[in-house]
Amino acid sequence: MPILTAAVVLVGLLCVLDLLLSFGIIRRLREQNETLKNVQQKSGVDQQIALPAGATIGAFSTTTVGGAELSIADIDGSRALVGFFSPNCEPCKERMPEFIEYAARFEGKVFAIAAGDEAETADMVARLGEVGEVIREFDGGDVHQAFGATGYPALCLVEGDRTVLASGWEMSVLPVPAKL
């Protein structure tokens, strides 16, 4: 009986030690995440993921997954919300539901770019297709180049004269939509 008691106490102590180590690791990961976020903001990484506010988007011509032709002319004269997503990107998986919710309330055109092949982007295309036109192209394609997209997720709000109003990788860079 004393051996059983000692074993239970030992297992209990090991569990408490494991719990303390887990809390320490979680705290350290949160600190590193905050540090990385602060470094990115200070270095201007947020603005470099796509063309910065005030820049003019370049010309492009592409086809949506629905088969419609799409070019720079389709943005002329209206506001457009554009999002670049990759199926292998964890931040994309976090931001995509927020983008979809924002896009549902957005008064203007919505374009989403799914970076990858048909099989890996199928779920993403279906979800994004509920709120706008979806384009499937690999990194470096015409639309990526026109918007200066260098990473994921990249979000852009464009005015009708092809001027970028806001861009970045977090939804907070976009203004709150007027329509709620």
N, C-alpha and C. Protein backbone atom coordinates (compact mmCIF):
# COMPACT_ATOMS: atom_id res chain seq x y z
N MET A 1 0.81 -1.20 0.00
CA MET A 1 0.00 0.00 0.00
C MET A 1 0.85 1.27 0.00
N PRO A 2 1.96 1.35 0.77
CA PRO A 2 2.77 2.57 0.74
C PRO A 2 3.39 2.80 -0.65
N ILE A 3 3.66 1.75 -1.40
CA ILE A 3 4.23 1.91 -2.74
C ILE A 3 3.19 2.53 -3.67
N LEU A 4 1.94 2.10 -3.54
CA LEU A 4 0.87 2.66 -4.36
C LEU A 4 0.67 4.14 -4.04
N THR A 5 0.70 4.50 -2.78
CA THR A 5 0.54 5.90 -2.37
C THR A 5 1.69 6.73 -2.93
N ALA A 6 2.90 6.22 -2.83
CA ALA A 6 4.06 6.93 -3.35
C ALA A 6 3.95 7.12 -4.86
N ALA A 7 3.46 6.12 -5.57
CA ALA A 7 3.31 6.20 -7.02
C ALA A 7 2.27 7.26 -7.39
N VAL A 8 1.16 7.30 -6.66
CA VAL A 8 0.11 8.29 -6.92
C VAL A 8 0.64 9.70 -6.66
N VAL A 9 1.39 9.87 -5.58
CA VAL A 9 1.96 11.18 -5.25
C VAL A 9 2.96 11.60 -6.34
N LEU A 10 3.79 10.67 -6.78
CA LEU A 10 4.78 10.95 -7.82
C LEU A 10 4.09 11.36 -9.14
N VAL A 11 3.07 10.62 -9.53
CA VAL A 11 2.32 10.95 -10.74
C VAL A 11 1.66 12.32 -10.60
N GLY A 12 1.11 12.62 -9.45
CA GLY A 12 0.50 13.92 -9.20
C GLY A 12 1.50 15.04 -9.31
N LEU A 13 2.69 14.85 -8.74
CA LEU A 13 3.74 15.87 -8.83
C LEU A 13 4.20 16.08 -10.27
N LEU A 14 4.32 14.98 -11.02
CA LEU A 14 4.70 15.08 -12.43
C LEU A 14 3.64 15.84 -13.23
N CYS A 15 2.38 15.62 -12.93
CA CYS A 15 1.29 16.33 -13.62
C CYS A 15 1.33 17.82 -13.32
N VAL A 16 1.57 18.17 -12.05
CA VAL A 16 1.66 19.58 -11.67
C VAL A 16 2.86 20.22 -12.36
N LEU A 17 4.00 19.55 -12.42
CA LEU A 17 5.18 20.06 -13.10
C LEU A 17 4.90 20.26 -14.59
N ASP A 18 4.25 19.28 -15.20
CA ASP A 18 3.89 19.39 -16.61
C ASP A 18 2.97 20.57 -16.85
N LEU A 19 2.01 20.78 -15.99
CA LEU A 19 1.07 21.90 -16.11
C LEU A 19 1.81 23.23 -16.00
N LEU A 20 2.73 23.34 -15.04
CA LEU A 20 3.50 24.58 -14.89
C LEU A 20 4.36 24.85 -16.12
N LEU A 21 5.01 23.83 -16.63
CA LEU A 21 5.82 23.99 -17.84
C LEU A 21 4.96 24.40 -19.03
N SER A 22 3.77 23.82 -19.17
CA SER A 22 2.86 24.17 -20.26
C SER A 22 2.45 25.64 -20.18
N PHE A 23 2.11 26.11 -18.97
CA PHE A 23 1.75 27.51 -18.80
C PHE A 23 2.92 28.42 -19.15
N GLY A 24 4.12 28.03 -18.78
CA GLY A 24 5.31 28.81 -19.10
C GLY A 24 5.54 28.90 -20.60
N ILE A 25 5.35 27.80 -21.29
CA ILE A 25 5.53 27.78 -22.75
C ILE A 25 4.47 28.65 -23.42
N ILE A 26 3.23 28.55 -22.98
CA ILE A 26 2.16 29.36 -23.56
C ILE A 26 2.44 30.84 -23.35
N ARG A 27 2.88 31.21 -22.14
CA ARG A 27 3.19 32.60 -21.86
C ARG A 27 4.32 33.10 -22.75
N ARG A 28 5.33 32.30 -22.92
CA ARG A 28 6.48 32.68 -23.75
C ARG A 28 6.07 32.83 -25.22
N LEU A 29 5.22 31.94 -25.73
CA LEU A 29 4.74 32.05 -27.11
C LEU A 29 3.94 33.33 -27.30
N ARG A 30 3.12 33.69 -26.33
CA ARG A 30 2.35 34.94 -26.44
C ARG A 30 3.27 36.15 -26.47
N GLU A 31 4.31 36.13 -25.62
CA GLU A 31 5.27 37.23 -25.61
C GLU A 31 5.99 37.34 -26.95
N GLN A 32 6.39 36.21 -27.52
CA GLN A 32 7.07 36.22 -28.81
C GLN A 32 6.15 36.73 -29.91
N ASN A 33 4.88 36.35 -29.87
CA ASN A 33 3.91 36.81 -30.86
C ASN A 33 3.76 38.33 -30.79
N GLU A 34 3.66 38.88 -29.58
CA GLU A 34 3.54 40.33 -29.42
C GLU A 34 4.80 41.04 -29.91
N THR A 35 5.95 40.48 -29.58
CA THR A 35 7.22 41.07 -30.02
C THR A 35 7.31 41.08 -31.53
N LEU A 36 6.96 39.98 -32.16
CA LEU A 36 6.99 39.89 -33.63
C LEU A 36 6.02 40.89 -34.25
N LYS A 37 4.84 41.02 -33.67
CA LYS A 37 3.85 41.97 -34.19
C LYS A 37 4.39 43.40 -34.08
N ASN A 38 5.01 43.74 -32.96
CA ASN A 38 5.57 45.08 -32.78
C ASN A 38 6.71 45.35 -33.75
N VAL A 39 7.57 44.36 -33.97
CA VAL A 39 8.68 44.52 -34.91
C VAL A 39 8.15 44.72 -36.32
N GLN A 40 7.14 43.95 -36.70
CA GLN A 40 6.57 44.08 -38.04
C GLN A 40 5.95 45.45 -38.25
N GLN A 41 5.26 45.96 -37.23
CA GLN A 41 4.63 47.27 -37.36
C GLN A 41 5.68 48.37 -37.46
N LYS A 42 6.74 48.28 -36.67
CA LYS A 42 7.79 49.30 -36.71
C LYS A 42 8.58 49.26 -38.01
N SER A 43 8.75 48.08 -38.58
CA SER A 43 9.54 47.96 -39.80
C SER A 43 8.72 48.19 -41.06
N GLY A 44 7.42 48.36 -40.92
CA GLY A 44 6.56 48.62 -42.07
C GLY A 44 6.20 47.37 -42.85
N VAL A 45 6.33 46.18 -42.26
CA VAL A 45 6.00 44.95 -42.97
C VAL A 45 4.54 44.94 -43.37
N ASP A 46 3.66 45.50 -42.53
CA ASP A 46 2.24 45.52 -42.83
C ASP A 46 1.96 46.20 -44.17
N GLN A 47 2.70 47.27 -44.46
CA GLN A 47 2.45 48.03 -45.67
C GLN A 47 3.12 47.39 -46.88
N GLN A 48 4.04 46.48 -46.66
CA GLN A 48 4.76 45.89 -47.77
C GLN A 48 4.12 44.61 -48.29
N ILE A 49 3.08 44.13 -47.67
CA ILE A 49 2.46 42.89 -48.12
C ILE A 49 1.64 43.13 -49.39
N ALA A 50 1.31 44.39 -49.62
CA ALA A 50 0.59 44.80 -50.84
C ALA A 50 0.92 46.27 -51.06
N LEU A 51 0.46 46.81 -52.18
CA LEU A 51 0.72 48.22 -52.45
C LEU A 51 0.21 49.07 -51.28
N PRO A 52 0.96 50.08 -50.88
CA PRO A 52 0.53 50.91 -49.75
C PRO A 52 -0.58 51.87 -50.15
N ALA A 53 -1.24 52.44 -49.15
CA ALA A 53 -2.29 53.43 -49.39
C ALA A 53 -1.73 54.57 -50.24
N GLY A 54 -2.51 54.98 -51.22
CA GLY A 54 -2.10 56.06 -52.11
C GLY A 54 -1.51 55.57 -53.42
N ALA A 55 -1.07 54.30 -53.46
CA ALA A 55 -0.49 53.75 -54.69
C ALA A 55 -1.60 53.42 -55.69
N THR A 56 -1.23 53.33 -56.94
CA THR A 56 -2.17 52.97 -58.00
C THR A 56 -1.90 51.54 -58.42
N ILE A 57 -2.98 50.75 -58.49
CA ILE A 57 -2.80 49.35 -58.89
C ILE A 57 -2.48 49.26 -60.37
N GLY A 58 -1.75 48.22 -60.72
CA GLY A 58 -1.35 48.01 -62.11
C GLY A 58 -2.43 47.33 -62.92
N ALA A 59 -2.18 47.22 -64.20
CA ALA A 59 -3.13 46.57 -65.10
C ALA A 59 -3.06 45.05 -64.93
N PHE A 60 -4.20 44.40 -65.10
CA PHE A 60 -4.25 42.94 -65.07
C PHE A 60 -5.43 42.46 -65.90
N SER A 61 -5.37 41.23 -66.29
CA SER A 61 -6.45 40.58 -67.02
C SER A 61 -6.43 39.12 -66.61
N THR A 62 -7.58 38.61 -66.21
CA THR A 62 -7.65 37.24 -65.72
C THR A 62 -9.05 36.69 -65.92
N THR A 63 -9.25 35.45 -65.52
CA THR A 63 -10.55 34.81 -65.59
C THR A 63 -10.92 34.30 -64.21
N THR A 64 -12.16 34.53 -63.80
CA THR A 64 -12.61 34.05 -62.49
C THR A 64 -12.87 32.55 -62.57
N VAL A 65 -13.05 31.92 -61.40
CA VAL A 65 -13.33 30.48 -61.39
C VAL A 65 -14.67 30.18 -62.06
N GLY A 66 -15.54 31.18 -62.14
CA GLY A 66 -16.82 31.02 -62.82
C GLY A 66 -16.74 31.20 -64.32
N GLY A 67 -15.55 31.57 -64.83
CA GLY A 67 -15.36 31.72 -66.26
C GLY A 67 -15.51 33.14 -66.78
N ALA A 68 -15.79 34.10 -65.91
CA ALA A 68 -15.96 35.49 -66.34
C ALA A 68 -14.59 36.16 -66.53
N GLU A 69 -14.49 36.98 -67.57
CA GLU A 69 -13.27 37.75 -67.80
C GLU A 69 -13.25 38.92 -66.81
N LEU A 70 -12.09 39.19 -66.26
CA LEU A 70 -11.95 40.24 -65.26
C LEU A 70 -10.67 41.02 -65.55
N SER A 71 -10.77 42.36 -65.51
CA SER A 71 -9.58 43.18 -65.76
C SER A 71 -9.65 44.41 -64.88
N ILE A 72 -8.63 45.24 -65.02
CA ILE A 72 -8.57 46.49 -64.27
C ILE A 72 -9.79 47.36 -64.53
N ALA A 73 -10.37 47.25 -65.70
CA ALA A 73 -11.54 48.05 -66.07
C ALA A 73 -12.74 47.73 -65.17
N ASP A 74 -12.79 46.52 -64.61
CA ASP A 74 -13.90 46.14 -63.74
C ASP A 74 -13.85 46.83 -62.38
N ILE A 75 -12.73 47.44 -62.06
CA ILE A 75 -12.60 48.16 -60.80
C ILE A 75 -12.91 49.65 -60.99
N ASP A 76 -12.73 50.14 -62.20
CA ASP A 76 -12.98 51.55 -62.48
C ASP A 76 -14.38 51.97 -62.08
N GLY A 77 -14.45 53.11 -61.39
CA GLY A 77 -15.74 53.70 -61.07
C GLY A 77 -16.42 53.18 -59.82
N SER A 78 -15.83 52.25 -59.10
CA SER A 78 -16.45 51.77 -57.86
C SER A 78 -15.38 51.37 -56.86
N ARG A 79 -15.80 51.20 -55.66
CA ARG A 79 -14.88 50.71 -54.63
C ARG A 79 -14.77 49.21 -54.76
N ALA A 80 -13.61 48.69 -54.44
CA ALA A 80 -13.40 47.25 -54.51
C ALA A 80 -12.62 46.78 -53.29
N LEU A 81 -13.04 45.66 -52.77
CA LEU A 81 -12.36 44.98 -51.67
C LEU A 81 -11.68 43.77 -52.27
N VAL A 82 -10.38 43.64 -52.07
CA VAL A 82 -9.61 42.55 -52.66
C VAL A 82 -8.85 41.83 -51.56
N GLY A 83 -8.94 40.51 -51.55
CA GLY A 83 -8.22 39.71 -50.56
C GLY A 83 -7.45 38.58 -51.23
N PHE A 84 -6.21 38.38 -50.80
CA PHE A 84 -5.35 37.31 -51.30
C PHE A 84 -5.19 36.28 -50.20
N PHE A 85 -5.51 35.03 -50.50
CA PHE A 85 -5.46 33.96 -49.50
C PHE A 85 -4.76 32.73 -50.06
N SER A 86 -4.11 31.99 -49.18
CA SER A 86 -3.44 30.75 -49.55
C SER A 86 -3.94 29.64 -48.62
N PRO A 87 -4.21 28.46 -49.14
CA PRO A 87 -4.73 27.38 -48.29
C PRO A 87 -3.70 26.85 -47.28
N ASN A 88 -2.43 27.12 -47.49
CA ASN A 88 -1.39 26.63 -46.58
C ASN A 88 -0.95 27.68 -45.58
N CYS A 89 -1.71 28.74 -45.43
CA CYS A 89 -1.36 29.88 -44.59
C CYS A 89 -2.28 29.91 -43.36
N GLU A 90 -1.69 29.76 -42.17
CA GLU A 90 -2.48 29.77 -40.94
C GLU A 90 -3.16 31.13 -40.70
N PRO A 91 -2.47 32.27 -40.87
CA PRO A 91 -3.16 33.55 -40.71
C PRO A 91 -4.33 33.71 -41.69
N CYS A 92 -4.21 33.10 -42.88
CA CYS A 92 -5.33 33.16 -43.85
C CYS A 92 -6.56 32.46 -43.29
N LYS A 93 -6.34 31.33 -42.65
CA LYS A 93 -7.46 30.58 -42.08
C LYS A 93 -8.12 31.36 -40.96
N GLU A 94 -7.35 32.18 -40.25
CA GLU A 94 -7.91 33.02 -39.19
C GLU A 94 -8.65 34.23 -39.76
N ARG A 95 -8.10 34.85 -40.80
CA ARG A 95 -8.67 36.08 -41.35
C ARG A 95 -9.80 35.86 -42.34
N MET A 96 -9.85 34.70 -42.98
CA MET A 96 -10.85 34.49 -44.01
C MET A 96 -12.29 34.64 -43.49
N PRO A 97 -12.66 34.07 -42.33
CA PRO A 97 -14.04 34.31 -41.86
C PRO A 97 -14.32 35.79 -41.60
N GLU A 98 -13.33 36.53 -41.10
CA GLU A 98 -13.50 37.96 -40.88
C GLU A 98 -13.67 38.69 -42.22
N PHE A 99 -12.88 38.29 -43.22
CA PHE A 99 -12.98 38.87 -44.55
C PHE A 99 -14.36 38.62 -45.14
N ILE A 100 -14.85 37.41 -45.00
CA ILE A 100 -16.17 37.06 -45.54
C ILE A 100 -17.26 37.88 -44.86
N GLU A 101 -17.16 38.04 -43.55
CA GLU A 101 -18.15 38.84 -42.83
C GLU A 101 -18.08 40.30 -43.28
N TYR A 102 -16.89 40.83 -43.41
CA TYR A 102 -16.69 42.21 -43.86
C TYR A 102 -17.23 42.38 -45.29
N ALA A 103 -16.89 41.43 -46.15
CA ALA A 103 -17.31 41.49 -47.55
C ALA A 103 -18.83 41.44 -47.68
N ALA A 104 -19.49 40.70 -46.81
CA ALA A 104 -20.96 40.60 -46.86
C ALA A 104 -21.61 41.95 -46.58
N ARG A 105 -20.94 42.82 -45.81
CA ARG A 105 -21.47 44.14 -45.48
C ARG A 105 -20.90 45.24 -46.37
N PHE A 106 -19.94 44.90 -47.20
CA PHE A 106 -19.24 45.88 -48.02
C PHE A 106 -20.10 46.35 -49.18
N GLU A 107 -20.13 47.65 -49.38
CA GLU A 107 -20.87 48.22 -50.51
C GLU A 107 -19.88 48.50 -51.62
N GLY A 108 -19.77 47.58 -52.52
CA GLY A 108 -18.83 47.68 -53.63
C GLY A 108 -18.54 46.29 -54.16
N LYS A 109 -17.58 46.21 -55.03
CA LYS A 109 -17.21 44.92 -55.61
C LYS A 109 -16.24 44.19 -54.69
N VAL A 110 -16.35 42.87 -54.68
CA VAL A 110 -15.47 42.05 -53.85
C VAL A 110 -14.78 41.02 -54.73
N PHE A 111 -13.45 40.98 -54.62
CA PHE A 111 -12.64 40.02 -55.37
C PHE A 111 -11.75 39.28 -54.38
N ALA A 112 -11.67 37.98 -54.51
CA ALA A 112 -10.80 37.18 -53.66
C ALA A 112 -9.90 36.34 -54.54
N ILE A 113 -8.64 36.29 -54.18
CA ILE A 113 -7.67 35.52 -54.95
C ILE A 113 -7.24 34.34 -54.10
N ALA A 114 -7.47 33.14 -54.60
CA ALA A 114 -7.06 31.90 -53.93
C ALA A 114 -5.79 31.43 -54.62
N ALA A 115 -4.70 31.42 -53.87
CA ALA A 115 -3.40 31.07 -54.45
C ALA A 115 -3.14 29.57 -54.32
N GLY A 116 -3.18 28.89 -55.44
CA GLY A 116 -2.93 27.46 -55.43
C GLY A 116 -3.67 26.77 -56.54
N ASP A 117 -3.53 25.45 -56.57
CA ASP A 117 -4.21 24.69 -57.61
C ASP A 117 -5.66 24.39 -57.22
N GLU A 118 -6.40 23.83 -58.14
CA GLU A 118 -7.84 23.60 -57.95
C GLU A 118 -8.15 22.72 -56.75
N ALA A 119 -7.40 21.65 -56.57
CA ALA A 119 -7.68 20.72 -55.48
C ALA A 119 -7.46 21.35 -54.11
N GLU A 120 -6.35 22.06 -53.94
CA GLU A 120 -6.04 22.60 -52.62
C GLU A 120 -6.86 23.85 -52.28
N THR A 121 -7.42 24.53 -53.27
CA THR A 121 -8.19 25.75 -53.00
C THR A 121 -9.70 25.54 -53.09
N ALA A 122 -10.16 24.32 -53.30
CA ALA A 122 -11.59 24.07 -53.53
C ALA A 122 -12.47 24.61 -52.40
N ASP A 123 -12.14 24.30 -51.15
CA ASP A 123 -12.94 24.77 -50.01
C ASP A 123 -12.90 26.29 -49.92
N MET A 124 -11.72 26.84 -50.08
CA MET A 124 -11.53 28.29 -50.02
C MET A 124 -12.36 28.98 -51.10
N VAL A 125 -12.33 28.46 -52.31
CA VAL A 125 -13.07 29.05 -53.43
C VAL A 125 -14.57 29.02 -53.15
N ALA A 126 -15.05 27.92 -52.60
CA ALA A 126 -16.48 27.80 -52.29
C ALA A 126 -16.90 28.83 -51.25
N ARG A 127 -16.12 28.98 -50.21
CA ARG A 127 -16.46 29.93 -49.14
C ARG A 127 -16.37 31.38 -49.61
N LEU A 128 -15.31 31.71 -50.31
CA LEU A 128 -15.13 33.08 -50.79
C LEU A 128 -16.12 33.42 -51.90
N GLY A 129 -16.53 32.42 -52.66
CA GLY A 129 -17.48 32.63 -53.75
C GLY A 129 -18.84 33.09 -53.28
N GLU A 130 -19.14 32.93 -52.01
CA GLU A 130 -20.43 33.37 -51.46
C GLU A 130 -20.52 34.89 -51.36
N VAL A 131 -19.36 35.58 -51.34
CA VAL A 131 -19.38 37.03 -51.15
C VAL A 131 -18.78 37.83 -52.30
N GLY A 132 -18.21 37.16 -53.29
CA GLY A 132 -17.61 37.90 -54.39
C GLY A 132 -17.06 37.02 -55.49
N GLU A 133 -16.40 37.64 -56.43
CA GLU A 133 -15.76 36.93 -57.54
C GLU A 133 -14.45 36.33 -57.04
N VAL A 134 -14.18 35.09 -57.40
CA VAL A 134 -12.97 34.42 -56.96
C VAL A 134 -12.07 34.13 -58.16
N ILE A 135 -10.80 34.43 -57.96
CA ILE A 135 -9.78 34.20 -58.97
C ILE A 135 -8.80 33.19 -58.39
N ARG A 136 -8.46 32.20 -59.19
CA ARG A 136 -7.46 31.22 -58.74
C ARG A 136 -6.19 31.46 -59.54
N GLU A 137 -5.12 31.82 -58.85
CA GLU A 137 -3.84 31.99 -59.53
C GLU A 137 -2.71 31.74 -58.53
N PHE A 138 -1.58 31.37 -59.04
CA PHE A 138 -0.42 31.12 -58.20
C PHE A 138 0.28 32.43 -57.87
N ASP A 139 1.05 32.41 -56.80
CA ASP A 139 1.83 33.57 -56.38
C ASP A 139 2.65 34.07 -57.56
N GLY A 140 2.61 35.38 -57.79
CA GLY A 140 3.36 35.96 -58.90
C GLY A 140 2.54 36.15 -60.16
N GLY A 141 1.26 35.77 -60.13
CA GLY A 141 0.39 35.94 -61.29
C GLY A 141 0.07 37.41 -61.55
N ASP A 142 -0.70 37.67 -62.61
CA ASP A 142 -1.03 39.03 -63.01
C ASP A 142 -1.68 39.85 -61.89
N VAL A 143 -2.64 39.27 -61.20
CA VAL A 143 -3.35 40.02 -60.15
C VAL A 143 -2.42 40.27 -58.96
N HIS A 144 -1.61 39.27 -58.60
CA HIS A 144 -0.63 39.47 -57.53
C HIS A 144 0.30 40.64 -57.87
N GLN A 145 0.77 40.67 -59.09
CA GLN A 145 1.69 41.74 -59.50
C GLN A 145 1.00 43.09 -59.53
N ALA A 146 -0.23 43.14 -60.01
CA ALA A 146 -0.96 44.41 -60.11
C ALA A 146 -1.16 45.04 -58.73
N PHE A 147 -1.38 44.21 -57.71
CA PHE A 147 -1.61 44.72 -56.36
C PHE A 147 -0.35 44.70 -55.50
N GLY A 148 0.75 44.22 -56.04
CA GLY A 148 1.99 44.15 -55.27
C GLY A 148 1.91 43.19 -54.11
N ALA A 149 1.08 42.16 -54.23
CA ALA A 149 0.90 41.19 -53.14
C ALA A 149 2.14 40.31 -53.02
N THR A 150 2.75 40.34 -51.84
CA THR A 150 3.98 39.57 -51.61
C THR A 150 3.83 38.54 -50.51
N GLY A 151 2.65 38.44 -49.92
CA GLY A 151 2.43 37.48 -48.84
C GLY A 151 0.94 37.28 -48.62
N TYR A 152 0.63 36.49 -47.62
CA TYR A 152 -0.77 36.13 -47.33
C TYR A 152 -1.06 36.24 -45.85
N PRO A 153 -2.25 36.62 -45.50
CA PRO A 153 -3.27 37.22 -46.34
C PRO A 153 -2.90 38.66 -46.66
N ALA A 154 -3.24 39.11 -47.82
CA ALA A 154 -3.06 40.50 -48.22
C ALA A 154 -4.45 41.06 -48.50
N LEU A 155 -4.76 42.17 -47.89
CA LEU A 155 -6.08 42.78 -48.02
C LEU A 155 -5.93 44.19 -48.57
N CYS A 156 -6.76 44.54 -49.53
CA CYS A 156 -6.70 45.87 -50.15
C CYS A 156 -8.10 46.44 -50.32
N LEU A 157 -8.21 47.72 -50.08
CA LEU A 157 -9.42 48.46 -50.38
C LEU A 157 -9.04 49.47 -51.45
N VAL A 158 -9.74 49.42 -52.59
CA VAL A 158 -9.37 50.24 -53.74
C VAL A 158 -10.53 51.16 -54.11
N GLU A 159 -10.19 52.42 -54.39
CA GLU A 159 -11.16 53.41 -54.84
C GLU A 159 -11.34 53.26 -56.35
N GLY A 160 -12.42 53.78 -56.88
CA GLY A 160 -12.76 53.65 -58.29
C GLY A 160 -11.72 54.15 -59.26
N ASP A 161 -10.82 55.03 -58.83
CA ASP A 161 -9.79 55.52 -59.74
C ASP A 161 -8.51 54.69 -59.64
N ARG A 162 -8.63 53.46 -59.12
CA ARG A 162 -7.53 52.49 -59.01
C ARG A 162 -6.53 52.82 -57.92
N THR A 163 -6.92 53.69 -56.99
CA THR A 163 -6.03 54.08 -55.89
C THR A 163 -6.30 53.21 -54.67
N VAL A 164 -5.23 52.71 -54.07
CA VAL A 164 -5.35 51.91 -52.86
C VAL A 164 -5.67 52.84 -51.70
N LEU A 165 -6.77 52.56 -51.01
CA LEU A 165 -7.16 53.36 -49.84
C LEU A 165 -6.55 52.80 -48.56
N ALA A 166 -6.46 51.46 -48.49
CA ALA A 166 -5.90 50.79 -47.32
C ALA A 166 -5.41 49.41 -47.73
N SER A 167 -4.34 48.96 -47.08
CA SER A 167 -3.84 47.61 -47.36
C SER A 167 -3.07 47.10 -46.15
N GLY A 168 -2.99 45.80 -46.05
CA GLY A 168 -2.27 45.17 -44.95
C GLY A 168 -2.63 43.71 -44.84
N TRP A 169 -2.24 43.09 -43.75
CA TRP A 169 -2.53 41.66 -43.57
C TRP A 169 -3.54 41.41 -42.45
N GLU A 170 -3.96 42.47 -41.76
CA GLU A 170 -4.97 42.33 -40.71
C GLU A 170 -6.22 43.12 -41.09
N MET A 171 -7.37 42.62 -40.66
CA MET A 171 -8.63 43.28 -40.99
C MET A 171 -8.71 44.68 -40.40
N SER A 172 -7.97 44.95 -39.35
CA SER A 172 -8.03 46.26 -38.70
C SER A 172 -7.53 47.39 -39.60
N VAL A 173 -6.82 47.07 -40.69
CA VAL A 173 -6.35 48.13 -41.60
C VAL A 173 -7.49 48.66 -42.46
N LEU A 174 -8.58 47.92 -42.55
CA LEU A 174 -9.72 48.34 -43.37
C LEU A 174 -10.68 49.17 -42.53
N PRO A 175 -11.27 50.22 -43.11
CA PRO A 175 -12.24 51.00 -42.36
C PRO A 175 -13.51 50.20 -42.10
N VAL A 176 -14.21 50.59 -41.06
CA VAL A 176 -15.46 49.93 -40.73
C VAL A 176 -16.47 50.24 -41.82
N PRO A 177 -17.12 49.20 -42.39
CA PRO A 177 -18.08 49.48 -43.47
C PRO A 177 -19.28 50.27 -42.95
N ALA A 178 -19.80 51.15 -43.78
CA ALA A 178 -20.93 51.99 -43.39
C ALA A 178 -22.20 51.18 -43.20
N LYS A 179 -22.39 50.17 -44.02
CA LYS A 179 -23.60 49.35 -43.96
C LYS A 179 -23.41 48.25 -42.93
N LEU A 180 -24.27 48.21 -41.94
CA LEU A 180 -24.16 47.18 -40.89
C LEU A 180 -25.32 46.24 -40.94
